[in-house]
Amino acid sequence: MLSALIDEGHLSSLVAAGARLHQPGCNGCIGMGQAPAAGRNSLRTVPRNFPGRSGTREDSVFLCSPETAAASALHGVITDPRTLGMAYPRIREPEDMTANEQMFVPPLPPEQARGVSLLATDNTPPLPALDPLPESIDAPVLLKAGDNISTDDIMPAGARVLPIWSNIHASAEFTFETVDPDYVYRARERGNAGHIIVAGDNYGQGSSRENAALVPRFLGLQVVIARSIARIHWQNLPCFGVLPLTFEDPADLDRLQQGDRLHIAGLRQQLAAGQRIVATLNDVGTLYLCHELSQRQQAILSQGGVINWLNMEGRS
């Protein structure tokens, strides 16, 4: 795309108008560069707009179309491009979008590839080992969250945290920082004993962020129970050994509070038997939950995640 802009002569016009280019990537969308000033309006054409995602905690970001962004940048104030009194620019698309194949490196043959060592630094320690799913779970609710908890809420991005994303141990300190900064402390107190998170609707919405499932699992998360779980995060949770469940009766969320204890006996048998999971609340009440895991996902979960499962598949 950059080559096409250069070849068609559009790049010089953009630069002359004040545009600046960044390398392809998430960049300003996740607060890596171009963070706005605190308390100042910022127009952005990115797809996400969670508080603080821009890299500035006190941000005031408005999402808009590229046309609105361009018109506003040229005028210095928020401008509706339809009020400019000009014909809508029609850009002729290139007849041929070519790729520089010299920039592509083909993969090595499998046997040769197996002999290549992965490069790592002190900031890229090995992934933590994850234990298989236990036969039963007896754990406290360590966090009760509301609706629309995003993967940004679970594992922040931005210039402070994103550079250490590959370091699970270091990035764990920021888990749920904007929701409950004491969550990490409570999780570390529990150690490997395990815990549960409950939430409202649309838990895990937003970016497809695997470490939003992996890092809480590293901190001991075993089960997420919510009124609903966002599609991609729901897929990621069992891949890292976390059981995603929903309430059979959404009103049961009100029965659960931080500090309550849930016991799920015969967990693997219950998963295989059907979609209903029966749990005991504080040793006295019964809670009916639901799962939608396939047999393959149940197998992955039982091994403690997809990495363990693939290792077992490779040895079988």
Protein backbone atom coordinates (compact mmCIF):
# COMPACT_ATOMS: atom_id res chain seq x y z
CA MET A 1 0.00 0.00 0.00
CA LEU A 2 2.83 2.42 0.84
CA SER A 3 4.50 1.65 -2.48
CA ALA A 4 1.21 2.34 -4.30
CA LEU A 5 0.86 5.72 -2.55
CA ILE A 6 4.38 6.61 -3.63
CA ASP A 7 3.94 5.36 -7.20
CA GLU A 8 0.64 7.21 -7.64
CA GLY A 9 2.08 10.47 -6.29
CA HIS A 10 -0.27 10.74 -3.30
CA LEU A 11 2.31 10.53 -0.53
CA SER A 12 3.90 13.91 -1.20
CA SER A 13 0.48 15.59 -1.07
CA LEU A 14 -0.27 14.02 2.30
CA VAL A 15 3.08 15.01 3.77
CA ALA A 16 2.74 18.57 2.40
CA ALA A 17 -0.67 18.82 4.12
CA GLY A 18 0.90 17.95 7.48
CA ALA A 19 0.35 14.20 7.60
CA ARG A 20 3.02 12.04 9.21
CA LEU A 21 3.60 8.35 8.64
CA HIS A 22 4.21 5.58 11.16
CA GLN A 23 5.23 2.01 10.55
CA PRO A 24 2.30 -0.42 10.14
CA GLY A 25 0.95 -1.64 13.45
CA CYS A 26 -1.50 -0.89 16.22
CA ASN A 27 0.40 2.28 17.20
CA GLY A 28 -1.93 5.08 18.30
CA CYS A 29 -4.87 2.70 18.60
CA ILE A 30 -3.31 1.12 21.69
CA GLY A 31 -1.48 4.15 23.01
CA MET A 32 1.91 3.52 21.39
CA GLY A 33 2.81 6.97 20.09
CA GLN A 34 0.65 10.03 19.39
CA ALA A 35 -0.88 9.94 22.87
CA PRO A 36 -3.10 13.01 23.23
CA ALA A 37 -2.62 15.74 25.80
CA ALA A 38 -4.66 15.32 28.97
CA GLY A 39 -8.01 17.06 28.83
CA ARG A 40 -7.75 17.88 25.11
CA ASN A 41 -10.09 16.55 22.45
CA SER A 42 -8.55 14.06 20.03
CA LEU A 43 -10.13 12.72 16.83
CA ARG A 44 -9.14 9.20 15.82
CA THR A 45 -10.14 6.78 13.09
CA VAL A 46 -9.20 3.68 15.11
CA PRO A 47 -11.79 1.01 16.03
CA ARG A 48 -11.54 1.13 19.84
CA ASN A 49 -12.26 3.87 22.34
CA PHE A 50 -11.90 2.53 25.87
CA PRO A 51 -10.87 5.00 28.60
CA GLY A 52 -7.11 5.41 28.67
CA ARG A 53 -6.51 3.24 25.60
CA SER A 54 -4.96 6.18 23.74
CA GLY A 55 -2.02 6.19 26.16
CA THR A 56 -3.34 9.11 28.22
CA ARG A 57 -5.35 8.21 31.31
CA GLU A 58 -7.39 11.45 31.18
CA ASP A 59 -8.00 11.22 27.44
CA SER A 60 -10.96 12.68 25.56
CA VAL A 61 -11.03 10.70 22.33
CA PHE A 62 -13.72 10.84 19.65
CA LEU A 63 -13.88 8.21 16.91
CA CYS A 64 -14.65 9.50 13.44
CA SER A 65 -14.39 8.73 9.74
CA PRO A 66 -11.16 9.39 7.81
CA GLU A 67 -13.00 12.17 5.95
CA THR A 68 -13.96 13.89 9.21
CA ALA A 69 -10.43 13.50 10.54
CA ALA A 70 -8.90 15.03 7.41
CA ALA A 71 -11.34 17.95 7.30
CA SER A 72 -10.85 18.65 11.01
CA ALA A 73 -7.06 18.47 10.76
CA LEU A 74 -7.03 21.00 7.93
CA HIS A 75 -9.41 23.40 9.72
CA GLY A 76 -8.10 22.97 13.26
CA VAL A 77 -11.59 22.38 14.67
CA ILE A 78 -14.03 19.49 14.45
CA THR A 79 -15.44 19.84 10.95
CA ASP A 80 -18.19 18.02 9.09
CA PRO A 81 -16.65 17.29 5.66
CA ARG A 82 -20.07 17.73 4.06
CA THR A 83 -19.96 21.45 4.91
CA LEU A 84 -16.77 22.19 2.98
CA GLY A 85 -18.54 23.07 -0.26
CA MET A 86 -16.30 20.87 -2.36
CA ALA A 87 -16.87 17.81 -4.45
CA TYR A 88 -16.03 14.54 -2.76
CA PRO A 89 -12.57 13.51 -3.95
CA ARG A 90 -12.58 10.39 -6.07
CA ILE A 91 -9.26 8.59 -6.05
CA ARG A 92 -8.46 6.34 -8.98
CA GLU A 93 -7.38 2.98 -7.70
CA PRO A 94 -4.17 1.55 -9.14
CA GLU A 95 -4.67 -0.89 -11.96
CA ASP A 96 -2.19 -3.28 -10.41
CA MET A 97 -1.30 -3.65 -6.73
CA THR A 98 2.09 -5.33 -6.82
CA ALA A 99 4.03 -6.76 -3.92
CA ASN A 100 7.79 -6.69 -3.61
CA GLU A 101 8.42 -10.42 -3.39
CA GLN A 102 12.09 -9.83 -2.60
CA MET A 103 10.98 -8.83 0.89
CA PHE A 104 9.42 -12.24 1.56
CA VAL A 105 11.53 -15.04 3.03
CA PRO A 106 10.15 -18.56 2.47
CA PRO A 107 9.96 -20.89 5.47
CA LEU A 108 12.73 -23.39 6.02
CA PRO A 109 12.13 -27.11 5.46
CA PRO A 110 10.69 -28.67 8.64
CA GLU A 111 13.82 -30.62 9.58
CA GLN A 112 16.01 -27.56 9.14
CA ALA A 113 13.54 -25.35 11.01
CA ARG A 114 13.65 -27.65 14.05
CA GLY A 115 17.33 -26.90 14.44
CA VAL A 116 16.85 -23.14 14.67
CA SER A 117 16.99 -21.69 18.17
CA LEU A 118 14.53 -18.96 19.09
CA LEU A 119 16.12 -15.71 20.15
CA ALA A 120 15.12 -14.44 23.58
CA THR A 121 16.10 -11.67 25.96
CA ASP A 122 15.69 -11.19 29.69
CA ASN A 123 12.31 -9.66 28.87
CA THR A 124 11.07 -12.80 27.10
CA PRO A 125 11.21 -15.57 29.72
CA PRO A 126 9.59 -18.93 28.93
CA LEU A 127 5.82 -19.12 29.23
CA PRO A 128 4.73 -20.39 32.65
CA ALA A 129 3.66 -24.01 32.95
CA LEU A 130 -0.11 -24.32 33.39
CA ASP A 131 -1.62 -27.13 35.46
CA PRO A 132 -4.33 -29.40 34.01
CA LEU A 133 -7.96 -28.78 34.93
CA PRO A 134 -8.64 -30.37 38.34
CA GLU A 135 -11.36 -32.92 38.93
CA SER A 136 -13.13 -30.42 41.18
CA ILE A 137 -12.84 -26.72 41.95
CA ASP A 138 -13.22 -25.16 45.37
CA ALA A 139 -12.26 -21.50 45.13
CA PRO A 140 -13.33 -18.00 46.17
CA VAL A 141 -14.69 -15.22 44.00
CA LEU A 142 -11.69 -12.92 43.94
CA LEU A 143 -13.24 -10.23 41.73
CA LYS A 144 -16.78 -9.20 40.86
CA ALA A 145 -16.85 -6.95 37.79
CA GLY A 146 -19.59 -5.14 35.91
CA ASP A 147 -20.67 -5.11 32.28
CA ASN A 148 -18.47 -4.62 29.21
CA ILE A 149 -15.14 -5.43 30.87
CA SER A 150 -12.71 -5.08 27.96
CA THR A 151 -9.46 -6.87 27.33
CA ASP A 152 -7.87 -3.44 27.91
CA ASP A 153 -9.36 -3.50 31.41
CA ILE A 154 -7.92 -6.97 31.99
CA MET A 155 -4.47 -6.38 30.45
CA PRO A 156 -3.67 -2.75 29.55
CA ALA A 157 -1.67 -1.70 26.51
CA GLY A 158 0.09 1.63 26.07
CA ALA A 159 3.70 2.66 26.46
CA ARG A 160 3.89 1.60 30.13
CA VAL A 161 2.77 -2.00 29.74
CA LEU A 162 2.93 -3.11 26.11
CA PRO A 163 6.77 -3.29 25.98
CA ILE A 164 6.65 -6.03 28.64
CA TRP A 165 3.71 -8.00 27.23
CA SER A 166 6.02 -10.88 26.33
CA ASN A 167 7.04 -11.10 29.99
CA ILE A 168 4.10 -12.71 31.73
CA HIS A 169 5.66 -12.29 35.17
CA ALA A 170 6.21 -8.53 34.75
CA SER A 171 2.97 -7.69 32.96
CA ALA A 172 0.94 -9.54 35.60
CA GLU A 173 1.43 -6.57 37.93
CA PHE A 174 -0.94 -4.50 35.76
CA THR A 175 -3.81 -7.00 35.55
CA PHE A 176 -7.21 -5.35 36.13
CA GLU A 177 -5.33 -2.19 37.14
CA THR A 178 -8.21 0.15 36.20
CA VAL A 179 -10.94 -2.14 37.57
CA ASP A 180 -9.49 -3.21 40.92
CA PRO A 181 -5.81 -2.43 41.59
CA ASP A 182 -5.84 -4.81 44.58
CA TYR A 183 -6.79 -7.83 42.46
CA VAL A 184 -3.15 -8.77 41.80
CA TYR A 185 -2.33 -8.60 45.51
CA ARG A 186 -5.25 -10.90 46.40
CA ALA A 187 -4.36 -13.29 43.59
CA ARG A 188 -0.74 -13.53 44.71
CA GLU A 189 -1.91 -14.22 48.27
CA ARG A 190 -3.87 -17.18 46.92
CA GLY A 191 -0.86 -18.49 45.02
CA ASN A 192 -1.63 -21.73 43.17
CA ALA A 193 -4.82 -22.34 45.15
CA GLY A 194 -6.98 -20.89 42.36
CA HIS A 195 -9.80 -18.36 42.20
CA ILE A 196 -12.89 -17.29 40.27
CA ILE A 197 -13.98 -14.07 38.56
CA VAL A 198 -17.63 -13.17 38.04
CA ALA A 199 -18.91 -10.43 35.75
CA GLY A 200 -21.92 -9.03 33.95
CA ASP A 201 -22.61 -8.88 30.23
CA ASN A 202 -20.03 -8.87 27.43
CA TYR A 203 -17.04 -9.81 29.55
CA GLY A 204 -13.77 -9.67 27.56
CA GLN A 205 -15.01 -7.41 24.80
CA GLY A 206 -12.56 -5.59 22.55
CA SER A 207 -9.22 -6.55 21.09
CA SER A 208 -8.23 -10.15 20.55
CA ARG A 209 -5.62 -10.20 23.28
CA GLU A 210 -4.39 -13.64 24.31
CA ASN A 211 -2.52 -12.32 27.34
CA ALA A 212 -5.85 -11.08 28.76
CA ALA A 213 -6.58 -14.80 29.27
CA LEU A 214 -3.05 -16.08 29.91
CA VAL A 215 -1.94 -13.55 32.54
CA PRO A 216 -4.95 -13.97 34.88
CA ARG A 217 -4.50 -17.74 34.46
CA PHE A 218 -0.88 -17.32 35.53
CA LEU A 219 -2.20 -15.49 38.62
CA GLY A 220 -4.42 -18.46 39.48
CA LEU A 221 -7.69 -17.78 37.63
CA GLN A 222 -9.58 -21.04 37.10
CA VAL A 223 -13.13 -20.01 36.17
CA VAL A 224 -14.86 -16.97 34.66
CA ILE A 225 -18.62 -16.81 35.29
CA ALA A 226 -20.51 -14.05 33.50
CA ARG A 227 -23.90 -13.23 32.13
CA SER A 228 -22.24 -13.29 28.70
CA ILE A 229 -18.67 -13.51 27.42
CA ALA A 230 -17.41 -11.82 24.26
CA ARG A 231 -16.84 -14.30 21.44
CA ILE A 232 -13.07 -14.08 20.93
CA HIS A 233 -12.23 -13.93 24.63
CA TRP A 234 -14.53 -16.91 25.21
CA GLN A 235 -12.38 -18.83 22.72
CA ASN A 236 -9.13 -17.67 24.34
CA LEU A 237 -10.04 -18.66 27.91
CA PRO A 238 -10.00 -22.47 27.47
CA CYS A 239 -6.88 -22.14 25.29
CA PHE A 240 -5.08 -21.09 28.46
CA GLY A 241 -6.84 -23.40 30.87
CA VAL A 242 -9.62 -21.12 32.14
CA LEU A 243 -13.19 -22.45 32.22
CA PRO A 244 -15.75 -19.98 30.75
CA LEU A 245 -19.26 -20.34 32.20
CA THR A 246 -22.47 -18.34 32.02
CA PHE A 247 -25.38 -18.11 34.43
CA GLU A 248 -28.38 -20.27 33.60
CA ASP A 249 -30.41 -17.53 35.30
CA PRO A 250 -28.76 -14.13 34.66
CA ALA A 251 -30.27 -12.83 37.91
CA ASP A 252 -27.96 -15.16 39.84
CA LEU A 253 -25.15 -12.68 39.32
CA ASP A 254 -26.72 -10.70 42.16
CA ARG A 255 -26.30 -13.69 44.48
CA LEU A 256 -22.52 -13.64 44.15
CA GLN A 257 -20.20 -11.25 45.91
CA GLN A 258 -16.45 -10.96 46.21
CA GLY A 259 -15.30 -13.41 48.85
CA ASP A 260 -18.05 -15.97 48.23
CA ARG A 261 -16.86 -19.54 47.70
CA LEU A 262 -17.92 -21.93 44.95
CA HIS A 263 -17.47 -25.67 44.82
CA ILE A 264 -17.84 -27.58 41.56
CA ALA A 265 -17.52 -31.33 42.06
CA GLY A 266 -16.88 -33.88 39.30
CA LEU A 267 -16.08 -31.07 36.90
CA ARG A 268 -14.84 -33.11 33.97
CA GLN A 269 -17.79 -35.49 34.22
CA GLN A 270 -20.22 -32.57 34.34
CA LEU A 271 -18.62 -30.97 31.27
CA ALA A 272 -18.90 -34.21 29.29
CA ALA A 273 -22.46 -34.93 30.44
CA GLY A 274 -24.10 -31.79 29.05
CA GLN A 275 -24.23 -28.04 29.10
CA ARG A 276 -25.41 -27.58 32.69
CA ILE A 277 -22.84 -27.25 35.47
CA VAL A 278 -24.04 -27.49 39.07
CA ALA A 279 -22.06 -25.59 41.70
CA THR A 280 -22.46 -25.15 45.44
CA LEU A 281 -22.39 -21.59 46.79
CA ASN A 282 -20.92 -21.10 50.27
CA ASP A 283 -21.69 -24.76 51.12
CA VAL A 284 -25.43 -24.04 51.32
CA GLY A 285 -26.86 -22.80 48.01
CA THR A 286 -27.03 -24.32 44.55
CA LEU A 287 -25.98 -22.39 41.46
CA TYR A 288 -26.79 -23.54 37.94
CA LEU A 289 -24.28 -22.58 35.28
CA CYS A 290 -23.84 -23.32 31.57
CA HIS A 291 -21.00 -24.12 29.21
CA GLU A 292 -20.81 -24.38 25.41
CA LEU A 293 -17.43 -26.08 25.05
CA SER A 294 -16.91 -28.56 22.25
CA GLN A 295 -15.27 -31.92 22.92
CA ARG A 296 -12.03 -30.55 21.49
CA GLN A 297 -12.17 -27.52 23.79
CA GLN A 298 -12.88 -29.78 26.75
CA ALA A 299 -9.81 -31.83 25.86
CA ILE A 300 -7.71 -28.64 25.62
CA LEU A 301 -9.06 -27.39 28.94
CA SER A 302 -8.45 -30.71 30.67
CA GLN A 303 -4.75 -30.50 29.73
CA GLY A 304 -4.44 -26.96 31.07
CA GLY A 305 -4.48 -25.17 27.73
CA VAL A 306 -3.69 -25.50 24.06
CA ILE A 307 0.12 -25.59 24.50
CA ASN A 308 -0.06 -28.59 26.83
CA TRP A 309 -2.65 -30.22 24.57
CA LEU A 310 -0.48 -29.81 21.47
CA ASN A 311 2.47 -31.29 23.33
CA MET A 312 0.36 -34.30 24.25
CA GLU A 313 -0.92 -34.63 20.68
CA GLY A 314 2.64 -34.52 19.37
CA ARG A 315 3.70 -37.35 21.68
CA SER A 316 0.73 -39.56 20.90
